[in-house]
Amino acid sequence: MIDTARVVAKYCPNKVVTLTGALQPARVRDTDAEFNLGGAIIATQVAPPGVYIVMNGVAYQWDTCKKNPVTGYFEPL
């Protein structure tokens, strides 16, 4: 997701773009997909131009976070 955000940031400098995903697919009963999608929609409406990764109720600018390979969650640098 960080790599995708890097490319998008290069080509869309004056837009608000949010990237999101889920730890479990949307078809799974206990998924965070719907929550993350709602967060991404809200972030897109209120954030200044930039590329954001929205997961678990937090919107990070793409270049200020990393994915923890142990937990699977994004966290600040």
C-alpha atoms as a PDB file:
ATOM      1  CA  MET A   1       0.000   0.000   0.000  1.00  0.00           C
ATOM      2  CA  ILE A   2       2.914   2.355   0.722  1.00  0.00           C
ATOM      3  CA  ASP A   3       4.316   1.698  -2.763  1.00  0.00           C
ATOM      4  CA  THR A   4       0.944   2.420  -4.356  1.00  0.00           C
ATOM      5  CA  ALA A   5       0.596   5.612  -2.318  1.00  0.00           C
ATOM      6  CA  ARG A   6       4.054   6.770  -3.431  1.00  0.00           C
ATOM      7  CA  VAL A   7       3.072   6.482  -7.099  1.00  0.00           C
ATOM      8  CA  VAL A   8      -0.322   8.108  -6.598  1.00  0.00           C
ATOM      9  CA  ALA A   9       1.272  11.013  -4.707  1.00  0.00           C
ATOM     10  CA  LYS A  10       3.604  11.605  -7.633  1.00  0.00           C
ATOM     11  CA  TYR A  11       0.762  11.859 -10.169  1.00  0.00           C
ATOM     12  CA  CYS A  12      -1.978  13.473  -8.036  1.00  0.00           C
ATOM     13  CA  PRO A  13      -0.264  16.217  -6.009  1.00  0.00           C
ATOM     14  CA  ASN A  14      -3.330  18.467  -5.703  1.00  0.00           C
ATOM     15  CA  LYS A  15      -5.946  15.817  -4.937  1.00  0.00           C
ATOM     16  CA  VAL A  16      -7.140  14.074  -1.801  1.00  0.00           C
ATOM     17  CA  VAL A  17      -6.672  10.329  -2.216  1.00  0.00           C
ATOM     18  CA  THR A  18      -7.317   7.729   0.460  1.00  0.00           C
ATOM     19  CA  LEU A  19      -6.215   4.127   0.301  1.00  0.00           C
ATOM     20  CA  THR A  20      -7.711   1.540   2.595  1.00  0.00           C
ATOM     21  CA  GLY A  21      -8.075  -2.174   2.980  1.00  0.00           C
ATOM     22  CA  ALA A  22      -8.981  -4.800   5.537  1.00  0.00           C
ATOM     23  CA  LEU A  23      -7.275  -7.476   7.583  1.00  0.00           C
ATOM     24  CA  GLN A  24     -10.109  -9.842   6.648  1.00  0.00           C
ATOM     25  CA  PRO A  25     -12.006  -9.845   3.332  1.00  0.00           C
ATOM     26  CA  ALA A  26     -15.410  -8.139   3.325  1.00  0.00           C
ATOM     27  CA  ARG A  27     -17.172 -11.487   2.876  1.00  0.00           C
ATOM     28  CA  VAL A  28     -15.834 -12.698   6.251  1.00  0.00           C
ATOM     29  CA  ARG A  29     -18.120 -12.212   9.245  1.00  0.00           C
ATOM     30  CA  ASP A  30     -15.676 -10.373  11.550  1.00  0.00           C
ATOM     31  CA  THR A  31     -14.118  -7.977   9.070  1.00  0.00           C
ATOM     32  CA  ASP A  32     -12.948  -4.408   9.477  1.00  0.00           C
ATOM     33  CA  ALA A  33     -13.594  -3.641   5.796  1.00  0.00           C
ATOM     34  CA  GLU A  34     -16.779  -1.619   6.303  1.00  0.00           C
ATOM     35  CA  PHE A  35     -15.298   0.385   9.173  1.00  0.00           C
ATOM     36  CA  ASN A  36     -12.172   1.182   7.153  1.00  0.00           C
ATOM     37  CA  LEU A  37     -14.216   2.170   4.110  1.00  0.00           C
ATOM     38  CA  GLY A  38     -16.271   4.579   6.226  1.00  0.00           C
ATOM     39  CA  GLY A  39     -13.083   6.078   7.651  1.00  0.00           C
ATOM     40  CA  ALA A  40     -11.659   6.536   4.171  1.00  0.00           C
ATOM     41  CA  ILE A  41     -14.798   8.311   2.971  1.00  0.00           C
ATOM     42  CA  ILE A  42     -14.727  10.699   5.929  1.00  0.00           C
ATOM     43  CA  ALA A  43     -10.991  11.349   5.553  1.00  0.00           C
ATOM     44  CA  THR A  44     -11.453  12.140   1.864  1.00  0.00           C
ATOM     45  CA  GLN A  45     -14.064  14.758   2.721  1.00  0.00           C
ATOM     46  CA  VAL A  46     -12.101  16.604   5.421  1.00  0.00           C
ATOM     47  CA  ALA A  47      -8.375  16.146   4.701  1.00  0.00           C
ATOM     48  CA  PRO A  48      -6.225  18.658   2.832  1.00  0.00           C
ATOM     49  CA  PRO A  49      -4.725  17.537  -0.484  1.00  0.00           C
ATOM     50  CA  GLY A  50      -2.433  14.539  -0.125  1.00  0.00           C
ATOM     51  CA  VAL A  51      -2.415  10.763  -0.148  1.00  0.00           C
ATOM     52  CA  TYR A  52      -3.599   8.995   2.983  1.00  0.00           C
ATOM     53  CA  ILE A  53      -3.693   5.445   4.254  1.00  0.00           C
ATOM     54  CA  VAL A  54      -6.779   4.939   6.393  1.00  0.00           C
ATOM     55  CA  MET A  55      -6.921   1.863   8.590  1.00  0.00           C
ATOM     56  CA  ASN A  56      -8.348   1.090  12.022  1.00  0.00           C
ATOM     57  CA  GLY A  57      -9.812   4.557  12.541  1.00  0.00           C
ATOM     58  CA  VAL A  58      -6.578   6.408  11.786  1.00  0.00           C
ATOM     59  CA  ALA A  59      -5.679   8.418   8.681  1.00  0.00           C
ATOM     60  CA  TYR A  60      -1.921   8.583   8.067  1.00  0.00           C
ATOM     61  CA  GLN A  61      -0.212  10.617   5.402  1.00  0.00           C
ATOM     62  CA  TRP A  62       1.341   7.910   3.271  1.00  0.00           C
ATOM     63  CA  ASP A  63       4.926   8.890   4.044  1.00  0.00           C
ATOM     64  CA  THR A  64       4.469   9.047   7.825  1.00  0.00           C
ATOM     65  CA  CYS A  65       3.551   5.421   8.502  1.00  0.00           C
ATOM     66  CA  LYS A  66       4.664   1.841   7.996  1.00  0.00           C
ATOM     67  CA  LYS A  67       2.977  -1.530   8.251  1.00  0.00           C
ATOM     68  CA  ASN A  68       4.093  -3.596  11.204  1.00  0.00           C
ATOM     69  CA  PRO A  69       4.751  -7.074   9.760  1.00  0.00           C
ATOM     70  CA  VAL A  70       4.096  -8.759  13.102  1.00  0.00           C
ATOM     71  CA  THR A  71       0.717  -7.186  13.933  1.00  0.00           C
ATOM     72  CA  GLY A  72      -0.393  -6.372  10.385  1.00  0.00           C
ATOM     73  CA  TYR A  73      -1.389  -2.857  11.507  1.00  0.00           C
ATOM     74  CA  PHE A  74      -0.142   0.471  10.213  1.00  0.00           C
ATOM     75  CA  GLU A  75       1.708   2.611  12.727  1.00  0.00           C
ATOM     76  CA  PRO A  76       3.509   5.964  12.709  1.00  0.00           C
ATOM     77  CA  LEU A  77       7.186   6.070  11.777  1.00  0.00           C
END
